[in-house]
């Protein structure tokens, strides 16, 4: 049985694609660093080291958009793309987990 087909991504400029992809990569890294989720320090350290490069890529994507005259972030369109790419689950890793999960 084939997995369900994902909805199509909205039409995005190359810079918007880079922005969305890099934003999600930053979320993934922040989720690995999140001290409220536990884990080992080495994993957090590696993610923090990688975060520097991904933050630079995020800045570069926004700079490219600005330089090309893309002066507005289209939240509805980019939000749809983020949802298609599993952004809701990925963003939950950055938030504090419920107290019963955090081991309080």
N, C-alpha and C. Protein backbone atom coordinates (compact mmCIF):
# COMPACT_ATOMS: atom_id res chain seq x y z
N UNK A 1 0.84 -1.18 0.00
CA UNK A 1 0.00 0.00 0.00
C UNK A 1 0.89 1.25 0.00
N UNK A 2 0.58 2.18 -0.86
CA UNK A 2 1.35 3.41 -0.97
C UNK A 2 0.94 4.40 0.12
N UNK A 3 1.91 5.18 0.63
CA UNK A 3 1.55 6.22 1.61
C UNK A 3 0.69 7.28 0.93
N UNK A 4 -0.12 8.00 1.72
CA UNK A 4 -0.96 9.04 1.11
C UNK A 4 -0.10 10.11 0.46
N UNK A 5 -0.61 10.63 -0.65
CA UNK A 5 0.12 11.67 -1.38
C UNK A 5 0.02 12.98 -0.61
N UNK A 6 1.18 13.65 -0.47
CA UNK A 6 1.20 14.94 0.21
C UNK A 6 0.58 16.01 -0.68
N UNK A 7 -0.01 17.03 -0.06
CA UNK A 7 -0.51 18.13 -0.89
C UNK A 7 0.67 18.81 -1.60
N UNK A 8 0.41 19.40 -2.74
CA UNK A 8 1.51 20.04 -3.46
C UNK A 8 2.01 21.28 -2.72
N UNK A 9 3.29 21.54 -2.88
CA UNK A 9 3.84 22.78 -2.32
C UNK A 9 3.32 23.96 -3.13
N UNK A 10 3.08 25.09 -2.48
CA UNK A 10 2.70 26.28 -3.24
C UNK A 10 3.88 26.75 -4.10
N UNK A 11 3.58 27.51 -5.12
CA UNK A 11 4.63 28.08 -5.97
C UNK A 11 5.43 29.09 -5.16
N UNK A 12 6.74 28.89 -5.12
CA UNK A 12 7.62 29.76 -4.35
C UNK A 12 8.79 30.19 -5.23
N UNK A 13 9.34 31.36 -4.93
CA UNK A 13 10.59 31.76 -5.59
C UNK A 13 11.72 30.90 -5.02
N UNK A 14 12.83 30.89 -5.69
CA UNK A 14 13.98 30.12 -5.19
C UNK A 14 14.40 30.61 -3.81
N UNK A 15 14.38 31.94 -3.61
CA UNK A 15 14.76 32.50 -2.32
C UNK A 15 13.76 32.09 -1.23
N UNK A 16 12.47 32.06 -1.57
CA UNK A 16 11.47 31.61 -0.60
C UNK A 16 11.68 30.14 -0.25
N UNK A 17 12.02 29.33 -1.24
CA UNK A 17 12.32 27.91 -0.98
C UNK A 17 13.50 27.80 -0.02
N UNK A 18 14.54 28.57 -0.28
CA UNK A 18 15.71 28.55 0.60
C UNK A 18 15.34 29.00 2.01
N UNK A 19 14.50 30.03 2.10
CA UNK A 19 14.05 30.52 3.40
C UNK A 19 13.31 29.43 4.17
N UNK A 20 12.35 28.78 3.53
CA UNK A 20 11.56 27.74 4.18
C UNK A 20 12.44 26.56 4.57
N UNK A 21 13.27 26.09 3.65
CA UNK A 21 14.13 24.94 3.94
C UNK A 21 15.08 25.23 5.10
N UNK A 22 15.70 26.39 5.06
CA UNK A 22 16.67 26.72 6.09
C UNK A 22 15.99 26.97 7.43
N UNK A 23 14.82 27.60 7.41
CA UNK A 23 14.06 27.82 8.64
C UNK A 23 13.75 26.47 9.31
N UNK A 24 13.33 25.49 8.52
CA UNK A 24 13.02 24.18 9.07
C UNK A 24 14.27 23.47 9.59
N UNK A 25 15.39 23.66 8.92
CA UNK A 25 16.65 23.10 9.42
C UNK A 25 17.03 23.72 10.77
N UNK A 26 16.82 25.02 10.90
CA UNK A 26 17.09 25.69 12.18
C UNK A 26 16.16 25.14 13.27
N UNK A 27 14.89 24.94 12.94
CA UNK A 27 13.97 24.34 13.92
C UNK A 27 14.45 22.97 14.37
N UNK A 28 14.89 22.15 13.42
CA UNK A 28 15.40 20.82 13.76
C UNK A 28 16.58 20.92 14.73
N UNK A 29 17.49 21.83 14.45
CA UNK A 29 18.66 21.99 15.30
C UNK A 29 18.27 22.50 16.68
N UNK A 30 17.38 23.48 16.73
CA UNK A 30 16.92 23.99 18.03
C UNK A 30 16.21 22.91 18.83
N UNK A 31 15.49 22.04 18.14
CA UNK A 31 14.83 20.93 18.82
C UNK A 31 15.85 19.98 19.45
N UNK A 32 16.99 19.78 18.79
CA UNK A 32 18.03 18.91 19.35
C UNK A 32 18.75 19.57 20.52
N UNK A 33 18.76 20.91 20.53
CA UNK A 33 19.44 21.66 21.59
C UNK A 33 18.52 21.84 22.81
N UNK A 34 17.22 21.81 22.62
CA UNK A 34 16.23 22.11 23.66
C UNK A 34 16.54 21.34 24.96
N UNK A 35 16.99 22.05 26.00
CA UNK A 35 17.35 21.36 27.24
C UNK A 35 16.15 20.75 27.97
N UNK A 36 14.96 21.21 27.69
CA UNK A 36 13.77 20.66 28.33
C UNK A 36 13.41 19.29 27.77
N UNK A 37 14.04 18.89 26.69
CA UNK A 37 13.76 17.59 26.09
C UNK A 37 14.79 16.53 26.47
N UNK A 38 15.84 16.94 27.17
CA UNK A 38 16.85 15.96 27.57
C UNK A 38 17.77 15.60 26.43
N UNK A 39 18.48 14.52 26.61
CA UNK A 39 19.45 14.09 25.61
C UNK A 39 20.86 14.34 26.10
N UNK A 40 21.81 13.93 25.31
CA UNK A 40 23.20 14.08 25.77
C UNK A 40 23.77 15.42 25.31
N UNK A 41 24.79 15.87 26.01
CA UNK A 41 25.37 17.17 25.73
C UNK A 41 26.08 17.20 24.38
N UNK A 42 26.66 16.08 23.97
CA UNK A 42 27.37 16.05 22.69
C UNK A 42 26.42 16.32 21.53
N UNK A 43 25.24 15.71 21.60
CA UNK A 43 24.23 15.93 20.56
C UNK A 43 23.85 17.41 20.50
N UNK A 44 23.63 18.02 21.67
CA UNK A 44 23.31 19.45 21.72
C UNK A 44 24.45 20.31 21.22
N UNK A 45 25.67 19.94 21.58
CA UNK A 45 26.84 20.68 21.13
C UNK A 45 26.97 20.65 19.61
N UNK A 46 26.80 19.47 19.02
CA UNK A 46 26.89 19.35 17.56
C UNK A 46 25.80 20.18 16.87
N UNK A 47 24.61 20.15 17.42
CA UNK A 47 23.51 20.93 16.85
C UNK A 47 23.80 22.43 16.97
N UNK A 48 24.33 22.85 18.12
CA UNK A 48 24.65 24.27 18.31
C UNK A 48 25.73 24.73 17.35
N UNK A 49 26.72 23.87 17.10
CA UNK A 49 27.77 24.21 16.14
C UNK A 49 27.19 24.36 14.74
N UNK A 50 26.28 23.50 14.38
CA UNK A 50 25.65 23.55 13.05
C UNK A 50 24.72 24.74 12.91
N UNK A 51 24.16 25.18 14.03
CA UNK A 51 23.20 26.28 14.01
C UNK A 51 23.81 27.56 13.44
N UNK A 52 25.07 27.78 13.71
CA UNK A 52 25.74 28.99 13.21
C UNK A 52 25.67 29.05 11.69
N UNK A 53 26.01 27.96 11.04
CA UNK A 53 25.99 27.92 9.58
C UNK A 53 24.58 28.05 9.02
N UNK A 54 23.61 27.42 9.67
CA UNK A 54 22.23 27.48 9.19
C UNK A 54 21.65 28.87 9.40
N UNK A 55 22.04 29.55 10.49
CA UNK A 55 21.58 30.93 10.71
C UNK A 55 22.14 31.85 9.63
N UNK A 56 23.37 31.61 9.22
CA UNK A 56 23.97 32.39 8.13
C UNK A 56 23.21 32.14 6.83
N UNK A 57 22.86 30.89 6.56
CA UNK A 57 22.09 30.56 5.35
C UNK A 57 20.71 31.21 5.39
N UNK A 58 20.11 31.26 6.57
CA UNK A 58 18.80 31.90 6.72
C UNK A 58 18.92 33.40 6.43
N UNK A 59 19.95 34.01 6.97
CA UNK A 59 20.20 35.43 6.68
C UNK A 59 20.41 35.65 5.19
N UNK A 60 21.18 34.77 4.56
CA UNK A 60 21.46 34.92 3.13
C UNK A 60 20.19 34.80 2.28
N UNK A 61 19.29 33.89 2.66
CA UNK A 61 18.03 33.74 1.92
C UNK A 61 17.20 35.01 2.04
N UNK A 62 17.13 35.57 3.23
CA UNK A 62 16.36 36.81 3.42
C UNK A 62 17.02 37.99 2.71
N UNK A 63 18.33 38.02 2.72
CA UNK A 63 19.06 39.08 2.00
C UNK A 63 18.77 39.01 0.51
N UNK A 64 18.81 37.80 -0.04
CA UNK A 64 18.53 37.62 -1.46
C UNK A 64 17.10 38.08 -1.78
N UNK A 65 16.16 37.71 -0.95
CA UNK A 65 14.77 38.15 -1.18
C UNK A 65 14.70 39.68 -1.18
N UNK A 66 15.33 40.29 -0.19
CA UNK A 66 15.31 41.75 -0.09
C UNK A 66 15.98 42.40 -1.29
N UNK A 67 17.14 41.87 -1.69
CA UNK A 67 17.88 42.44 -2.83
C UNK A 67 17.10 42.31 -4.13
N UNK A 68 16.29 41.28 -4.26
CA UNK A 68 15.49 41.08 -5.47
C UNK A 68 14.18 41.87 -5.45
N UNK A 69 13.97 42.61 -4.40
CA UNK A 69 12.75 43.40 -4.31
C UNK A 69 11.58 42.66 -3.69
N UNK A 70 11.81 41.48 -3.15
CA UNK A 70 10.76 40.74 -2.45
C UNK A 70 10.69 41.34 -1.05
N UNK A 71 9.91 42.40 -0.93
CA UNK A 71 9.91 43.16 0.32
C UNK A 71 8.91 42.65 1.35
N UNK A 72 8.13 41.67 0.98
CA UNK A 72 7.10 41.17 1.89
C UNK A 72 7.21 39.65 2.01
N UNK A 73 7.08 39.15 3.23
CA UNK A 73 7.02 37.71 3.46
C UNK A 73 5.54 37.34 3.40
N UNK A 74 5.20 36.46 2.49
CA UNK A 74 3.81 36.05 2.31
C UNK A 74 3.51 34.90 3.27
N UNK A 75 3.05 35.27 4.46
CA UNK A 75 2.91 34.32 5.56
C UNK A 75 1.98 33.16 5.22
N UNK A 76 0.88 33.41 4.57
CA UNK A 76 -0.07 32.32 4.27
C UNK A 76 0.57 31.29 3.33
N UNK A 77 1.24 31.75 2.30
CA UNK A 77 1.86 30.85 1.33
C UNK A 77 3.03 30.10 1.96
N UNK A 78 3.89 30.83 2.66
CA UNK A 78 5.05 30.18 3.27
C UNK A 78 4.61 29.26 4.41
N UNK A 79 3.58 29.65 5.14
CA UNK A 79 3.04 28.78 6.19
C UNK A 79 2.51 27.47 5.62
N UNK A 80 1.85 27.56 4.48
CA UNK A 80 1.35 26.34 3.81
C UNK A 80 2.51 25.42 3.43
N UNK A 81 3.57 26.01 2.90
CA UNK A 81 4.75 25.22 2.53
C UNK A 81 5.38 24.57 3.77
N UNK A 82 5.46 25.31 4.85
CA UNK A 82 6.04 24.79 6.09
C UNK A 82 5.20 23.63 6.62
N UNK A 83 3.88 23.75 6.53
CA UNK A 83 3.01 22.66 6.98
C UNK A 83 3.19 21.40 6.13
N UNK A 84 3.28 21.57 4.82
CA UNK A 84 3.47 20.42 3.93
C UNK A 84 4.78 19.71 4.27
N UNK A 85 5.78 20.47 4.68
CA UNK A 85 7.10 19.90 4.98
C UNK A 85 7.24 19.51 6.46
N UNK A 86 6.12 19.25 7.13
CA UNK A 86 6.10 18.74 8.50
C UNK A 86 6.56 19.77 9.53
N UNK A 87 6.35 21.03 9.24
CA UNK A 87 6.79 22.10 10.12
C UNK A 87 6.09 22.13 11.47
N UNK A 88 4.84 21.69 11.53
CA UNK A 88 4.15 21.70 12.81
C UNK A 88 4.81 20.76 13.80
N UNK A 89 5.11 19.54 13.37
CA UNK A 89 5.78 18.59 14.25
C UNK A 89 7.17 19.09 14.61
N UNK A 90 7.88 19.61 13.63
CA UNK A 90 9.24 20.06 13.86
C UNK A 90 9.28 21.25 14.82
N UNK A 91 8.29 22.13 14.74
CA UNK A 91 8.28 23.29 15.64
C UNK A 91 7.92 22.89 17.07
N UNK A 92 7.17 21.81 17.25
CA UNK A 92 6.84 21.35 18.60
C UNK A 92 8.09 20.92 19.36
N UNK A 93 9.13 20.50 18.68
CA UNK A 93 10.36 20.08 19.34
C UNK A 93 11.09 21.24 20.01
N UNK A 94 10.79 22.46 19.57
CA UNK A 94 11.42 23.65 20.13
C UNK A 94 10.69 24.10 21.40
N UNK A 95 9.40 23.83 21.47
CA UNK A 95 8.58 24.26 22.61
C UNK A 95 8.86 23.40 23.83
N UNK A 96 8.43 23.89 24.97
CA UNK A 96 8.52 23.09 26.20
C UNK A 96 7.54 21.93 26.11
N UNK A 97 7.98 20.74 26.44
CA UNK A 97 7.04 19.62 26.46
C UNK A 97 6.10 19.75 27.64
N UNK A 98 4.96 19.08 27.62
CA UNK A 98 4.07 19.09 28.78
C UNK A 98 4.83 18.61 30.01
N UNK A 99 4.45 19.08 31.18
CA UNK A 99 5.17 18.76 32.41
C UNK A 99 5.27 17.26 32.65
N UNK A 100 4.22 16.51 32.37
CA UNK A 100 4.27 15.07 32.63
C UNK A 100 5.27 14.35 31.73
N UNK A 101 5.59 14.93 30.58
CA UNK A 101 6.56 14.33 29.66
C UNK A 101 7.98 14.76 30.05
N UNK A 102 8.11 15.95 30.61
CA UNK A 102 9.43 16.49 30.92
C UNK A 102 10.07 15.83 32.14
N UNK A 103 9.32 15.01 32.84
CA UNK A 103 9.88 14.33 34.00
C UNK A 103 9.87 15.15 35.27
N UNK A 104 8.95 16.11 35.37
CA UNK A 104 8.87 16.95 36.58
C UNK A 104 8.21 16.22 37.71
